[in-house]
Amino acid sequence: MTDLRDTRFMEQALRLAHAAAEAGEAPIGAILVDPVTDEIVAEAHNAPIAGHDPTAHAEILALRRGAEKRGNYRLTGLELYVTLEPCAMCAGAISHARIGRVIYGAPDEKGGAIDHGPRFFEQPTCHWRPEVTSGILAQESADVLRSFFKARRKAKSDGV
């Protein structure tokens, strides 16, 4: 059974994913939460196109904002909700930030780095391993991605 708290925060991350899609960015949203107070410390959606920044993934932006808000690059014990399985870059940042738990929606067989690809947190060189929960609103997370890229392919084939 899915934890209602996890579902509630993932729904908020999905709203951010939809905002990213409306902005023409890959629809991925992330929410950084303090599990003690349930305060949303930071939130973000993908923005590499708008920011001219290849590192502007939702997870990285949420971590940056959370670190700034907390005045510390260590975000020990916080939880990161993200609609898509994080890539290797984001997994590395999550480890460096000392996130306590990562909760993600859709798996990413091609670019994911937690349960797919390099399985970053299982590597002996990984210094910090968060708890991981996957599959929270996975179908909804996958659907927003699928719809976004389907529309982009159609626009491209239509010459737009």
C-alpha atoms as a PDB file:
ATOM      1  CA  MET A   1       0.000   0.000   0.000  1.00  0.00           C
ATOM      2  CA  THR A   2       1.305   3.433  -0.920  1.00  0.00           C
ATOM      3  CA  ASP A   3       1.947   5.806   1.940  1.00  0.00           C
ATOM      4  CA  LEU A   4      -0.565   8.673   1.700  1.00  0.00           C
ATOM      5  CA  ARG A   5       2.114  11.160   2.728  1.00  0.00           C
ATOM      6  CA  ASP A   6       4.346  10.015  -0.138  1.00  0.00           C
ATOM      7  CA  THR A   7       1.437  10.279  -2.553  1.00  0.00           C
ATOM      8  CA  ARG A   8       0.619  13.810  -1.377  1.00  0.00           C
ATOM      9  CA  PHE A   9       4.170  15.063  -1.920  1.00  0.00           C
ATOM     10  CA  MET A  10       4.510  13.235  -5.244  1.00  0.00           C
ATOM     11  CA  GLU A  11       1.300  14.909  -6.430  1.00  0.00           C
ATOM     12  CA  GLN A  12       2.982  18.249  -5.721  1.00  0.00           C
ATOM     13  CA  ALA A  13       6.054  17.137  -7.667  1.00  0.00           C
ATOM     14  CA  LEU A  14       3.758  16.162 -10.542  1.00  0.00           C
ATOM     15  CA  ARG A  15       2.259  19.662 -10.559  1.00  0.00           C
ATOM     16  CA  LEU A  16       5.790  20.977 -11.006  1.00  0.00           C
ATOM     17  CA  ALA A  17       6.369  18.481 -13.820  1.00  0.00           C
ATOM     18  CA  HIS A  18       3.297  19.850 -15.601  1.00  0.00           C
ATOM     19  CA  ALA A  19       4.639  23.390 -15.118  1.00  0.00           C
ATOM     20  CA  ALA A  20       7.920  22.290 -16.699  1.00  0.00           C
ATOM     21  CA  ALA A  21       6.033  20.886 -19.697  1.00  0.00           C
ATOM     22  CA  GLU A  22       4.130  24.158 -20.107  1.00  0.00           C
ATOM     23  CA  ALA A  23       7.499  25.938 -20.134  1.00  0.00           C
ATOM     24  CA  GLY A  24       8.790  23.599 -22.855  1.00  0.00           C
ATOM     25  CA  GLU A  25      11.098  21.715 -20.494  1.00  0.00           C
ATOM     26  CA  ALA A  26      11.186  17.955 -19.926  1.00  0.00           C
ATOM     27  CA  PRO A  27       8.380  17.421 -17.408  1.00  0.00           C
ATOM     28  CA  ILE A  28      10.183  16.482 -14.219  1.00  0.00           C
ATOM     29  CA  GLY A  29       9.420  17.972 -10.820  1.00  0.00           C
ATOM     30  CA  ALA A  30      11.151  17.692  -7.459  1.00  0.00           C
ATOM     31  CA  ILE A  31      10.203  18.590  -3.888  1.00  0.00           C
ATOM     32  CA  LEU A  32      12.620  18.683  -0.939  1.00  0.00           C
ATOM     33  CA  VAL A  33      10.837  17.920   2.344  1.00  0.00           C
ATOM     34  CA  ASP A  34      11.778  17.979   6.010  1.00  0.00           C
ATOM     35  CA  PRO A  35      10.326  14.672   7.275  1.00  0.00           C
ATOM     36  CA  VAL A  36      10.107  15.923  10.868  1.00  0.00           C
ATOM     37  CA  THR A  37       7.874  18.923  10.132  1.00  0.00           C
ATOM     38  CA  ASP A  38       6.604  18.006   6.629  1.00  0.00           C
ATOM     39  CA  GLU A  39       7.765  21.480   5.554  1.00  0.00           C
ATOM     40  CA  ILE A  40       8.535  21.819   1.860  1.00  0.00           C
ATOM     41  CA  VAL A  41      12.051  23.219   2.017  1.00  0.00           C
ATOM     42  CA  ALA A  42      12.433  23.706  -1.741  1.00  0.00           C
ATOM     43  CA  GLU A  43      10.851  22.758  -5.028  1.00  0.00           C
ATOM     44  CA  ALA A  44      11.824  22.923  -8.665  1.00  0.00           C
ATOM     45  CA  HIS A  45      11.184  21.604 -12.127  1.00  0.00           C
ATOM     46  CA  ASN A  46      13.570  20.944 -14.973  1.00  0.00           C
ATOM     47  CA  ALA A  47      14.946  24.153 -16.482  1.00  0.00           C
ATOM     48  CA  PRO A  48      18.095  23.458 -18.539  1.00  0.00           C
ATOM     49  CA  ILE A  49      16.669  25.155 -21.635  1.00  0.00           C
ATOM     50  CA  ALA A  50      15.494  28.326 -19.899  1.00  0.00           C
ATOM     51  CA  GLY A  51      18.616  28.545 -17.767  1.00  0.00           C
ATOM     52  CA  HIS A  52      21.069  27.620 -20.520  1.00  0.00           C
ATOM     53  CA  ASP A  53      22.383  25.172 -17.939  1.00  0.00           C
ATOM     54  CA  PRO A  54      22.788  21.435 -18.601  1.00  0.00           C
ATOM     55  CA  THR A  55      22.864  20.819 -14.841  1.00  0.00           C
ATOM     56  CA  ALA A  56      19.467  22.468 -14.216  1.00  0.00           C
ATOM     57  CA  HIS A  57      17.665  19.215 -13.531  1.00  0.00           C
ATOM     58  CA  ALA A  58      14.754  19.423 -11.090  1.00  0.00           C
ATOM     59  CA  GLU A  59      16.696  17.545  -8.404  1.00  0.00           C
ATOM     60  CA  ILE A  60      19.781  19.765  -8.671  1.00  0.00           C
ATOM     61  CA  LEU A  61      17.714  22.957  -8.548  1.00  0.00           C
ATOM     62  CA  ALA A  62      15.755  21.733  -5.520  1.00  0.00           C
ATOM     63  CA  LEU A  63      19.006  20.786  -3.747  1.00  0.00           C
ATOM     64  CA  ARG A  64      20.557  24.175  -4.533  1.00  0.00           C
ATOM     65  CA  ARG A  65      17.496  26.046  -3.263  1.00  0.00           C
ATOM     66  CA  GLY A  66      17.291  23.883  -0.159  1.00  0.00           C
ATOM     67  CA  ALA A  67      20.981  24.372   0.635  1.00  0.00           C
ATOM     68  CA  GLU A  68      20.621  28.114   0.207  1.00  0.00           C
ATOM     69  CA  LYS A  69      17.555  28.220   2.427  1.00  0.00           C
ATOM     70  CA  ARG A  70      19.218  26.080   5.091  1.00  0.00           C
ATOM     71  CA  GLY A  71      22.566  27.854   4.805  1.00  0.00           C
ATOM     72  CA  ASN A  72      24.319  24.515   4.492  1.00  0.00           C
ATOM     73  CA  TYR A  73      25.265  22.275   1.590  1.00  0.00           C
ATOM     74  CA  ARG A  74      24.521  19.258   3.773  1.00  0.00           C
ATOM     75  CA  LEU A  75      20.812  18.483   3.718  1.00  0.00           C
ATOM     76  CA  THR A  76      21.126  15.508   6.038  1.00  0.00           C
ATOM     77  CA  GLY A  77      17.914  13.649   6.641  1.00  0.00           C
ATOM     78  CA  LEU A  78      15.732  15.577   4.186  1.00  0.00           C
ATOM     79  CA  GLU A  79      13.586  13.723   1.670  1.00  0.00           C
ATOM     80  CA  LEU A  80      13.632  14.326  -2.074  1.00  0.00           C
ATOM     81  CA  TYR A  81      10.507  13.542  -4.090  1.00  0.00           C
ATOM     82  CA  VAL A  82      11.087  13.434  -7.839  1.00  0.00           C
ATOM     83  CA  THR A  83       8.816  12.284 -10.649  1.00  0.00           C
ATOM     84  CA  LEU A  84      11.516  10.376 -12.566  1.00  0.00           C
ATOM     85  CA  GLU A  85      14.350   8.135 -11.395  1.00  0.00           C
ATOM     86  CA  PRO A  86      17.390  10.409 -10.971  1.00  0.00           C
ATOM     87  CA  CYS A  87      20.296  10.272 -13.427  1.00  0.00           C
ATOM     88  CA  ALA A  88      23.930   9.724 -12.399  1.00  0.00           C
ATOM     89  CA  MET A  89      24.611  13.453 -12.023  1.00  0.00           C
ATOM     90  CA  CYS A  90      21.619  13.907  -9.737  1.00  0.00           C
ATOM     91  CA  ALA A  91      22.373  10.729  -7.770  1.00  0.00           C
ATOM     92  CA  GLY A  92      25.876  12.074  -7.111  1.00  0.00           C
ATOM     93  CA  ALA A  93      24.480  15.390  -5.895  1.00  0.00           C
ATOM     94  CA  ILE A  94      21.939  13.587  -3.706  1.00  0.00           C
ATOM     95  CA  SER A  95      24.745  11.596  -2.111  1.00  0.00           C
ATOM     96  CA  HIS A  96      26.919  14.677  -1.553  1.00  0.00           C
ATOM     97  CA  ALA A  97      23.979  16.518   0.021  1.00  0.00           C
ATOM     98  CA  ARG A  98      23.388  13.588   2.414  1.00  0.00           C
ATOM     99  CA  ILE A  99      19.695  13.297   1.552  1.00  0.00           C
ATOM    100  CA  GLY A 100      18.046  10.796   3.880  1.00  0.00           C
ATOM    101  CA  ARG A 101      15.488   9.390   1.479  1.00  0.00           C
ATOM    102  CA  VAL A 102      14.744   9.598  -2.240  1.00  0.00           C
ATOM    103  CA  ILE A 103      11.208   8.896  -3.413  1.00  0.00           C
ATOM    104  CA  TYR A 104      10.695   8.714  -7.153  1.00  0.00           C
ATOM    105  CA  GLY A 105       7.812   8.032  -9.482  1.00  0.00           C
ATOM    106  CA  ALA A 106       8.634   6.556 -12.870  1.00  0.00           C
ATOM    107  CA  PRO A 107      11.645   4.345 -13.484  1.00  0.00           C
ATOM    108  CA  ASP A 108      14.085   5.440 -16.192  1.00  0.00           C
ATOM    109  CA  GLU A 109      15.589   2.355 -17.802  1.00  0.00           C
ATOM    110  CA  LYS A 110      17.694   4.441 -20.175  1.00  0.00           C
ATOM    111  CA  GLY A 111      18.962   7.334 -18.041  1.00  0.00           C
ATOM    112  CA  GLY A 112      18.225   6.345 -14.462  1.00  0.00           C
ATOM    113  CA  ALA A 113      21.101   5.681 -12.096  1.00  0.00           C
ATOM    114  CA  ILE A 114      19.487   4.354  -8.935  1.00  0.00           C
ATOM    115  CA  ASP A 115      17.717   1.145  -9.932  1.00  0.00           C
ATOM    116  CA  HIS A 116      19.020   1.142 -13.522  1.00  0.00           C
ATOM    117  CA  GLY A 117      22.295   1.941 -15.265  1.00  0.00           C
ATOM    118  CA  PRO A 118      25.185   2.432 -12.856  1.00  0.00           C
ATOM    119  CA  ARG A 119      23.087   1.912  -9.698  1.00  0.00           C
ATOM    120  CA  PHE A 120      25.014   4.759  -8.147  1.00  0.00           C
ATOM    121  CA  PHE A 121      24.167   4.149  -4.501  1.00  0.00           C
ATOM    122  CA  GLU A 122      25.382   0.535  -4.726  1.00  0.00           C
ATOM    123  CA  GLN A 123      28.886   1.547  -5.826  1.00  0.00           C
ATOM    124  CA  PRO A 124      31.708   1.153  -3.285  1.00  0.00           C
ATOM    125  CA  THR A 125      32.848   4.712  -4.074  1.00  0.00           C
ATOM    126  CA  CYS A 126      29.501   6.152  -2.992  1.00  0.00           C
ATOM    127  CA  HIS A 127      30.020   7.733   0.425  1.00  0.00           C
ATOM    128  CA  TRP A 128      26.358   8.268   1.368  1.00  0.00           C
ATOM    129  CA  ARG A 129      23.423   6.033   0.518  1.00  0.00           C
ATOM    130  CA  PRO A 130      19.901   7.344   1.043  1.00  0.00           C
ATOM    131  CA  GLU A 131      16.912   5.113   1.539  1.00  0.00           C
ATOM    132  CA  VAL A 132      15.075   4.765  -1.794  1.00  0.00           C
ATOM    133  CA  THR A 133      11.365   4.312  -2.436  1.00  0.00           C
ATOM    134  CA  SER A 134      10.298   3.924  -6.045  1.00  0.00           C
ATOM    135  CA  GLY A 135       7.058   3.677  -7.954  1.00  0.00           C
ATOM    136  CA  ILE A 136       5.034   6.356  -6.156  1.00  0.00           C
ATOM    137  CA  LEU A 137       2.528   7.587  -8.782  1.00  0.00           C
ATOM    138  CA  ALA A 138       4.743   5.899 -11.367  1.00  0.00           C
ATOM    139  CA  GLN A 139       2.030   5.680 -14.013  1.00  0.00           C
ATOM    140  CA  GLU A 140       1.079   9.335 -13.679  1.00  0.00           C
ATOM    141  CA  SER A 141       4.742  10.349 -13.797  1.00  0.00           C
ATOM    142  CA  ALA A 142       5.359   8.230 -16.885  1.00  0.00           C
ATOM    143  CA  ASP A 143       2.193   9.518 -18.566  1.00  0.00           C
ATOM    144  CA  VAL A 144       3.219  13.183 -18.309  1.00  0.00           C
ATOM    145  CA  LEU A 145       6.608  12.348 -19.848  1.00  0.00           C
ATOM    146  CA  ARG A 146       5.094  10.182 -22.579  1.00  0.00           C
ATOM    147  CA  SER A 147       2.523  12.847 -23.522  1.00  0.00           C
ATOM    148  CA  PHE A 148       5.138  15.599 -23.587  1.00  0.00           C
ATOM    149  CA  PHE A 149       7.530  13.749 -25.885  1.00  0.00           C
ATOM    150  CA  LYS A 150       4.726  12.451 -28.100  1.00  0.00           C
ATOM    151  CA  ALA A 151       3.558  16.041 -28.655  1.00  0.00           C
ATOM    152  CA  ARG A 152       7.131  17.157 -29.392  1.00  0.00           C
ATOM    153  CA  ARG A 153       7.610  14.386 -31.951  1.00  0.00           C
ATOM    154  CA  LYS A 154       4.288  15.305 -33.595  1.00  0.00           C
ATOM    155  CA  ALA A 155       5.213  18.994 -33.732  1.00  0.00           C
ATOM    156  CA  LYS A 156       8.561  18.111 -35.271  1.00  0.00           C
ATOM    157  CA  SER A 157       6.959  15.860 -37.902  1.00  0.00           C
ATOM    158  CA  ASP A 158       4.455  18.644 -38.666  1.00  0.00           C
ATOM    159  CA  GLY A 159       7.355  21.011 -39.271  1.00  0.00           C
ATOM    160  CA  VAL A 160       6.661  23.185 -36.247  1.00  0.00           C
END
